[in-house]
Amino acid sequence: MKLLILDAGHCLSLALVREASRRADTELVIEQGSTITSARLEAIAPDAVVIPPLAQPLIMAPADVTAHADAVDACLTACQSLGVALVWCVSDQLYEDGLDVPIDEHVVPAPRDESLRRLVQTGDRIRAEFKHHLIVRLGPLFALEGSHAWLNEIIDNLVLGQVVRAAEDVICCPTSADAVAMALIGMLQQQASGANAWGAYHLAGTEPVSAFTFTSMVRTQLQTHLEGRGEQITLSEVQPLKHHHDAKLRRVLNCRRVLDVFGVHQKPWRLEVGRMLDTWCLSREAERVSDTGASA
């Protein structure tokens, strides 16, 4: 199976590269940009095009959100002309006001924000005009590298002594980019084998949590990891932010359908964070050894 991945520097694109490198059944072609022409698509001849998400479209410049929607529209046109499947990953922030109960796939986002509505229009067009699509709605992605990675920024700020602020009144499901990459490739392999299960799916981590609690847990785990390796670093503090004064806003995705159709289980974010912090500490240790050797 050959996949064309757009936006090479995105944390999800880098996670897909790592996952594909472990497999013998998946070939990736990576494009630096966020769109593709019909001519380029025909030359590459992939089985599917994967478009990573905007991580926080609610706080992005409206022009950037609109540009992303335009790029997805252009990709859709190219995919339609050549019959290439389209996979578009989108942020849970499209559910601007959240919902008191876990949000099912059939619930189409209806945001008030104009730029978010532009993204929904693109999703409507995909569903109406092209059967061979997967719209994968994700919780907030975290990873150690790449754009929109979140976790790397938290770690850097904590280590550098810069106060980290995070919302305590928005409940979400933090989602490992590595887990999403594994799931997407598995889903597309099943599609290539005749599953014919196109449509919208929700994919997120387990245990709904506020961004403040998530960030605080990252700090606690990072402190434990560093102390376990004999490093005494005073990490900066995590401070809560409040955006909603009356009640907590919940963006919790119900991921039952992706389990029932593809057998994809949600990954516990605490375990994924712990694994990534192990990787970060090992890389940090290797850099220190390398620097010591160079100095000698």
Protein backbone atom coordinates (compact mmCIF):
# COMPACT_ATOMS: atom_id res chain seq x y z
CA MET A 1 0.00 0.00 0.00
CA LYS A 2 1.33 3.42 -0.96
CA LEU A 3 0.27 6.52 0.97
CA LEU A 4 0.87 10.15 0.11
CA ILE A 5 1.32 12.24 3.28
CA LEU A 6 1.03 16.01 3.12
CA ASP A 7 2.64 18.62 5.42
CA ALA A 8 5.94 16.82 6.03
CA GLY A 9 6.81 18.62 9.26
CA HIS A 10 3.53 17.89 11.05
CA CYS A 11 3.80 15.70 14.14
CA LEU A 12 1.34 13.22 12.64
CA SER A 13 3.32 13.02 9.39
CA LEU A 14 6.49 12.24 11.37
CA ALA A 15 4.59 9.62 13.39
CA LEU A 16 3.38 8.00 10.14
CA VAL A 17 6.99 7.83 8.95
CA ARG A 18 8.02 6.07 12.17
CA GLU A 19 5.13 3.62 11.96
CA ALA A 20 5.66 2.83 8.27
CA SER A 21 9.38 2.20 8.89
CA ARG A 22 8.40 -0.71 11.16
CA ARG A 23 6.25 -2.33 8.49
CA ALA A 24 6.97 -4.03 5.18
CA ASP A 25 3.48 -3.48 3.75
CA THR A 26 3.35 0.33 3.65
CA GLU A 27 5.20 2.79 1.44
CA LEU A 28 5.07 6.51 2.15
CA VAL A 29 5.61 9.47 -0.13
CA ILE A 30 5.95 12.71 1.83
CA GLU A 31 5.11 16.12 0.39
CA GLN A 32 6.39 19.28 2.04
CA GLY A 33 3.31 21.31 1.19
CA SER A 34 -0.30 20.98 2.27
CA THR A 35 -1.91 20.41 -1.11
CA ILE A 36 -1.42 18.34 -4.25
CA THR A 37 -2.17 18.79 -7.95
CA SER A 38 -3.85 16.18 -10.13
CA ALA A 39 -0.68 15.88 -12.21
CA ARG A 40 1.50 15.24 -9.16
CA LEU A 41 -1.05 12.82 -7.73
CA GLU A 42 -1.14 10.90 -11.01
CA ALA A 43 2.66 10.69 -11.06
CA ILE A 44 2.83 9.31 -7.51
CA ALA A 45 -0.22 7.04 -7.90
CA PRO A 46 -0.88 6.43 -4.18
CA ASP A 47 -3.70 4.38 -2.73
CA ALA A 48 -4.68 7.26 -0.44
CA VAL A 49 -3.78 10.83 0.48
CA VAL A 50 -3.51 11.68 4.18
CA ILE A 51 -3.98 15.28 5.37
CA PRO A 52 -2.91 16.01 8.98
CA PRO A 53 -5.11 18.27 11.13
CA LEU A 54 -4.89 21.84 12.28
CA ALA A 55 -4.26 21.32 15.96
CA GLN A 56 -6.01 24.39 17.37
CA PRO A 57 -8.08 26.07 14.66
CA LEU A 58 -10.03 28.01 17.31
CA ILE A 59 -7.01 30.17 18.14
CA MET A 60 -5.43 30.30 14.68
CA ALA A 61 -5.68 33.28 12.35
CA PRO A 62 -8.87 32.90 10.30
CA ALA A 63 -6.87 33.31 7.08
CA ASP A 64 -4.73 30.27 7.99
CA VAL A 65 -7.81 28.16 8.71
CA THR A 66 -9.40 29.22 5.43
CA ALA A 67 -6.18 28.43 3.56
CA HIS A 68 -6.20 24.93 5.05
CA ALA A 69 -9.82 24.40 3.97
CA ASP A 70 -8.97 25.62 0.47
CA ALA A 71 -6.04 23.20 0.33
CA VAL A 72 -8.28 20.29 1.39
CA ASP A 73 -10.81 21.28 -1.28
CA ALA A 74 -8.06 21.21 -3.89
CA CYS A 75 -6.92 17.78 -2.68
CA LEU A 76 -10.49 16.52 -2.88
CA THR A 77 -10.78 17.66 -6.49
CA ALA A 78 -7.52 15.90 -7.38
CA CYS A 79 -8.54 12.72 -5.55
CA GLN A 80 -11.94 12.69 -7.24
CA SER A 81 -10.40 13.03 -10.70
CA LEU A 82 -8.15 10.01 -10.17
CA GLY A 83 -10.22 7.89 -7.78
CA VAL A 84 -7.67 8.12 -4.95
CA ALA A 85 -8.98 7.77 -1.40
CA LEU A 86 -8.80 10.85 0.83
CA VAL A 87 -8.10 10.82 4.57
CA TRP A 88 -8.64 14.13 6.33
CA CYS A 89 -7.86 14.43 10.02
CA VAL A 90 -9.65 17.22 11.90
CA SER A 91 -9.49 18.69 15.39
CA ASP A 92 -12.13 18.11 18.02
CA GLN A 93 -12.28 21.92 18.31
CA LEU A 94 -14.78 21.90 15.46
CA TYR A 95 -17.19 20.91 18.23
CA GLU A 96 -16.78 24.44 19.50
CA ASP A 97 -19.33 24.28 22.32
CA GLY A 98 -18.75 20.64 23.18
CA LEU A 99 -21.48 18.33 24.43
CA ASP A 100 -22.47 17.02 27.86
CA VAL A 101 -22.21 13.40 26.65
CA PRO A 102 -19.54 11.70 24.50
CA ILE A 103 -19.88 12.91 20.91
CA ASP A 104 -20.83 10.27 18.32
CA GLU A 105 -19.62 10.27 14.70
CA HIS A 106 -23.03 11.10 13.24
CA VAL A 107 -23.01 14.44 15.09
CA VAL A 108 -21.76 16.91 12.48
CA PRO A 109 -20.02 19.92 14.07
CA ALA A 110 -22.00 23.16 14.01
CA PRO A 111 -19.59 25.82 15.30
CA ARG A 112 -20.38 29.52 15.65
CA ASP A 113 -16.88 30.60 14.63
CA GLU A 114 -16.81 31.57 10.95
CA SER A 115 -13.46 29.97 10.12
CA LEU A 116 -14.51 26.72 11.80
CA ARG A 117 -17.69 26.76 9.75
CA ARG A 118 -15.48 26.95 6.66
CA LEU A 119 -13.85 23.66 7.71
CA VAL A 120 -17.26 22.08 8.26
CA GLN A 121 -18.29 23.15 4.74
CA THR A 122 -15.29 21.28 3.38
CA GLY A 123 -16.30 18.21 5.37
CA ASP A 124 -19.85 18.47 4.05
CA ARG A 125 -18.50 18.59 0.50
CA ILE A 126 -16.31 15.52 1.05
CA ARG A 127 -19.22 13.50 2.46
CA ALA A 128 -21.57 14.59 -0.32
CA GLU A 129 -19.28 14.26 -3.33
CA PHE A 130 -16.76 11.48 -2.71
CA LYS A 131 -17.48 8.08 -1.23
CA HIS A 132 -13.87 7.00 -0.76
CA HIS A 133 -13.02 9.18 2.21
CA LEU A 134 -12.18 8.92 5.87
CA ILE A 135 -12.80 11.98 8.03
CA VAL A 136 -11.00 11.21 11.28
CA ARG A 137 -11.81 13.52 14.17
CA LEU A 138 -9.05 13.60 16.77
CA GLY A 139 -8.52 14.79 20.30
CA PRO A 140 -5.60 17.19 20.94
CA LEU A 141 -2.50 15.55 19.49
CA PHE A 142 0.71 15.20 21.47
CA ALA A 143 4.16 14.08 20.36
CA LEU A 144 7.83 14.82 20.93
CA GLU A 145 8.59 16.39 17.56
CA GLY A 146 7.02 18.17 14.65
CA SER A 147 4.53 21.00 14.35
CA HIS A 148 1.36 20.92 16.49
CA ALA A 149 3.11 18.45 18.82
CA TRP A 150 2.08 20.09 22.16
CA LEU A 151 4.06 17.74 24.43
CA ASN A 152 7.46 18.95 23.22
CA GLU A 153 6.47 22.55 23.97
CA ILE A 154 5.29 21.62 27.47
CA ILE A 155 8.56 19.81 28.23
CA ASP A 156 10.75 22.59 26.86
CA ASN A 157 8.95 25.25 28.89
CA LEU A 158 9.05 23.19 32.09
CA VAL A 159 12.78 22.53 31.75
CA LEU A 160 13.58 26.14 30.82
CA GLY A 161 11.71 27.44 33.84
CA GLN A 162 8.93 29.13 31.91
CA VAL A 163 5.49 29.01 33.54
CA VAL A 164 3.06 26.81 31.60
CA ARG A 165 -0.58 27.89 31.50
CA ALA A 166 -3.37 25.52 30.52
CA ALA A 167 -7.15 25.57 30.62
CA GLU A 168 -8.74 23.76 33.55
CA ASP A 169 -12.34 24.14 32.36
CA VAL A 170 -12.12 22.46 28.95
CA ILE A 171 -12.32 18.65 29.12
CA CYS A 172 -10.83 16.74 26.20
CA CYS A 173 -9.13 13.44 25.30
CA PRO A 174 -5.40 14.00 24.61
CA THR A 175 -4.35 11.78 21.72
CA SER A 176 -0.95 10.29 20.92
CA ALA A 177 0.22 11.05 17.38
CA ASP A 178 1.95 7.66 17.34
CA ALA A 179 -1.31 5.92 18.24
CA VAL A 180 -3.15 7.79 15.49
CA ALA A 181 -0.48 6.85 12.93
CA MET A 182 -0.75 3.16 13.86
CA ALA A 183 -4.54 3.32 13.67
CA LEU A 184 -4.65 5.12 10.32
CA ILE A 185 -2.32 2.67 8.63
CA GLY A 186 -4.26 -0.25 10.07
CA MET A 187 -7.57 1.23 8.91
CA LEU A 188 -6.25 1.88 5.40
CA GLN A 189 -4.77 -1.62 5.16
CA GLN A 190 -8.22 -3.01 5.95
CA GLN A 191 -9.77 -0.71 3.37
CA ALA A 192 -7.25 -1.94 0.80
CA SER A 193 -8.32 -5.49 1.66
CA GLY A 194 -11.95 -4.73 0.86
CA ALA A 195 -13.41 -3.45 4.14
CA ASN A 196 -15.26 -0.69 2.23
CA ALA A 197 -15.98 1.12 5.51
CA TRP A 198 -15.71 4.74 4.42
CA GLY A 199 -17.05 7.68 6.42
CA ALA A 200 -16.38 9.64 9.61
CA TYR A 201 -14.63 8.16 12.65
CA HIS A 202 -13.59 9.46 16.05
CA LEU A 203 -10.15 8.59 17.39
CA ALA A 204 -8.89 9.89 20.72
CA GLY A 205 -7.11 8.88 23.90
CA THR A 206 -8.81 7.38 26.93
CA GLU A 207 -9.61 9.24 30.15
CA PRO A 208 -11.15 12.67 29.53
CA VAL A 209 -9.10 15.33 31.28
CA SER A 210 -8.55 19.08 31.31
CA ALA A 211 -5.52 20.54 29.57
CA PHE A 212 -4.38 21.76 33.01
CA THR A 213 -4.54 18.28 34.55
CA PHE A 214 -2.84 16.76 31.50
CA THR A 215 -0.02 19.31 31.69
CA SER A 216 0.31 18.84 35.45
CA MET A 217 0.61 15.07 34.99
CA VAL A 218 3.28 15.61 32.34
CA ARG A 219 5.19 17.72 34.87
CA THR A 220 4.84 15.06 37.59
CA GLN A 221 5.94 12.23 35.30
CA LEU A 222 8.82 14.26 33.90
CA GLN A 223 10.05 15.06 37.42
CA THR A 224 9.90 11.37 38.31
CA HIS A 225 11.75 10.34 35.15
CA LEU A 226 14.52 12.89 35.71
CA GLU A 227 14.96 12.03 39.39
CA GLY A 228 15.09 8.36 38.49
CA ARG A 229 18.07 9.17 36.30
CA GLY A 230 19.81 11.22 38.94
CA GLU A 231 18.98 14.62 37.50
CA GLN A 232 17.89 17.37 39.85
CA ILE A 233 16.04 19.97 37.80
CA THR A 234 13.58 22.47 39.20
CA LEU A 235 10.70 22.41 36.76
CA SER A 236 8.52 25.48 36.32
CA GLU A 237 4.98 25.65 37.60
CA VAL A 238 1.74 24.88 35.77
CA GLN A 239 -0.95 27.51 36.19
CA PRO A 240 -4.68 27.03 35.43
CA LEU A 241 -6.60 29.18 32.99
CA LYS A 242 -10.37 29.61 32.92
CA HIS A 243 -12.22 30.30 29.70
CA HIS A 244 -15.73 29.28 30.80
CA HIS A 245 -16.93 30.71 34.08
CA ASP A 246 -20.27 28.95 34.36
CA ALA A 247 -19.48 25.29 33.61
CA LYS A 248 -16.77 23.10 32.16
CA LEU A 249 -16.86 22.58 28.40
CA ARG A 250 -16.55 18.93 27.38
CA ARG A 251 -15.12 17.77 24.06
CA VAL A 252 -15.11 14.02 24.57
CA LEU A 253 -15.23 11.88 21.44
CA ASN A 254 -17.05 8.55 21.45
CA CYS A 255 -14.66 6.19 19.68
CA ARG A 256 -16.88 3.11 19.69
CA ARG A 257 -17.36 3.00 15.91
CA VAL A 258 -13.66 2.81 15.07
CA LEU A 259 -13.41 -0.11 17.50
CA ASP A 260 -16.46 -1.91 16.13
CA VAL A 261 -15.51 -1.47 12.46
CA PHE A 262 -11.70 -1.63 12.47
CA GLY A 263 -10.86 -3.08 15.89
CA VAL A 264 -8.91 0.05 16.83
CA HIS A 265 -8.62 0.61 20.58
CA GLN A 266 -7.99 3.99 22.15
CA LYS A 267 -4.54 4.34 23.72
CA PRO A 268 -4.37 5.52 27.35
CA TRP A 269 -2.69 8.92 27.21
CA ARG A 270 -0.87 8.38 30.52
CA LEU A 271 0.93 5.33 29.14
CA GLU A 272 1.76 7.12 25.90
CA VAL A 273 3.11 10.14 27.78
CA GLY A 274 5.22 7.86 29.95
CA ARG A 275 6.64 6.09 26.91
CA MET A 276 7.43 9.39 25.20
CA LEU A 277 9.11 10.77 28.32
CA ASP A 278 11.29 7.63 28.41
CA THR A 279 12.28 8.35 24.82
CA TRP A 280 12.93 12.03 25.62
CA CYS A 281 15.14 11.16 28.61
CA LEU A 282 17.13 8.63 26.58
CA SER A 283 17.70 11.20 23.85
CA ARG A 284 18.74 13.79 26.44
CA GLU A 285 21.16 11.32 28.00
CA ALA A 286 22.63 10.44 24.60
CA GLU A 287 23.17 14.14 23.86
CA ARG A 288 24.96 14.63 27.18
CA VAL A 289 27.24 11.66 26.52
CA SER A 290 27.93 12.95 23.02
CA ASP A 291 28.75 16.44 24.34
CA THR A 292 31.04 14.96 27.01
CA GLY A 293 32.85 12.90 24.40
CA ALA A 294 33.29 15.91 22.13
CA SER A 295 34.67 17.97 25.02
CA ALA A 296 37.18 15.24 25.87
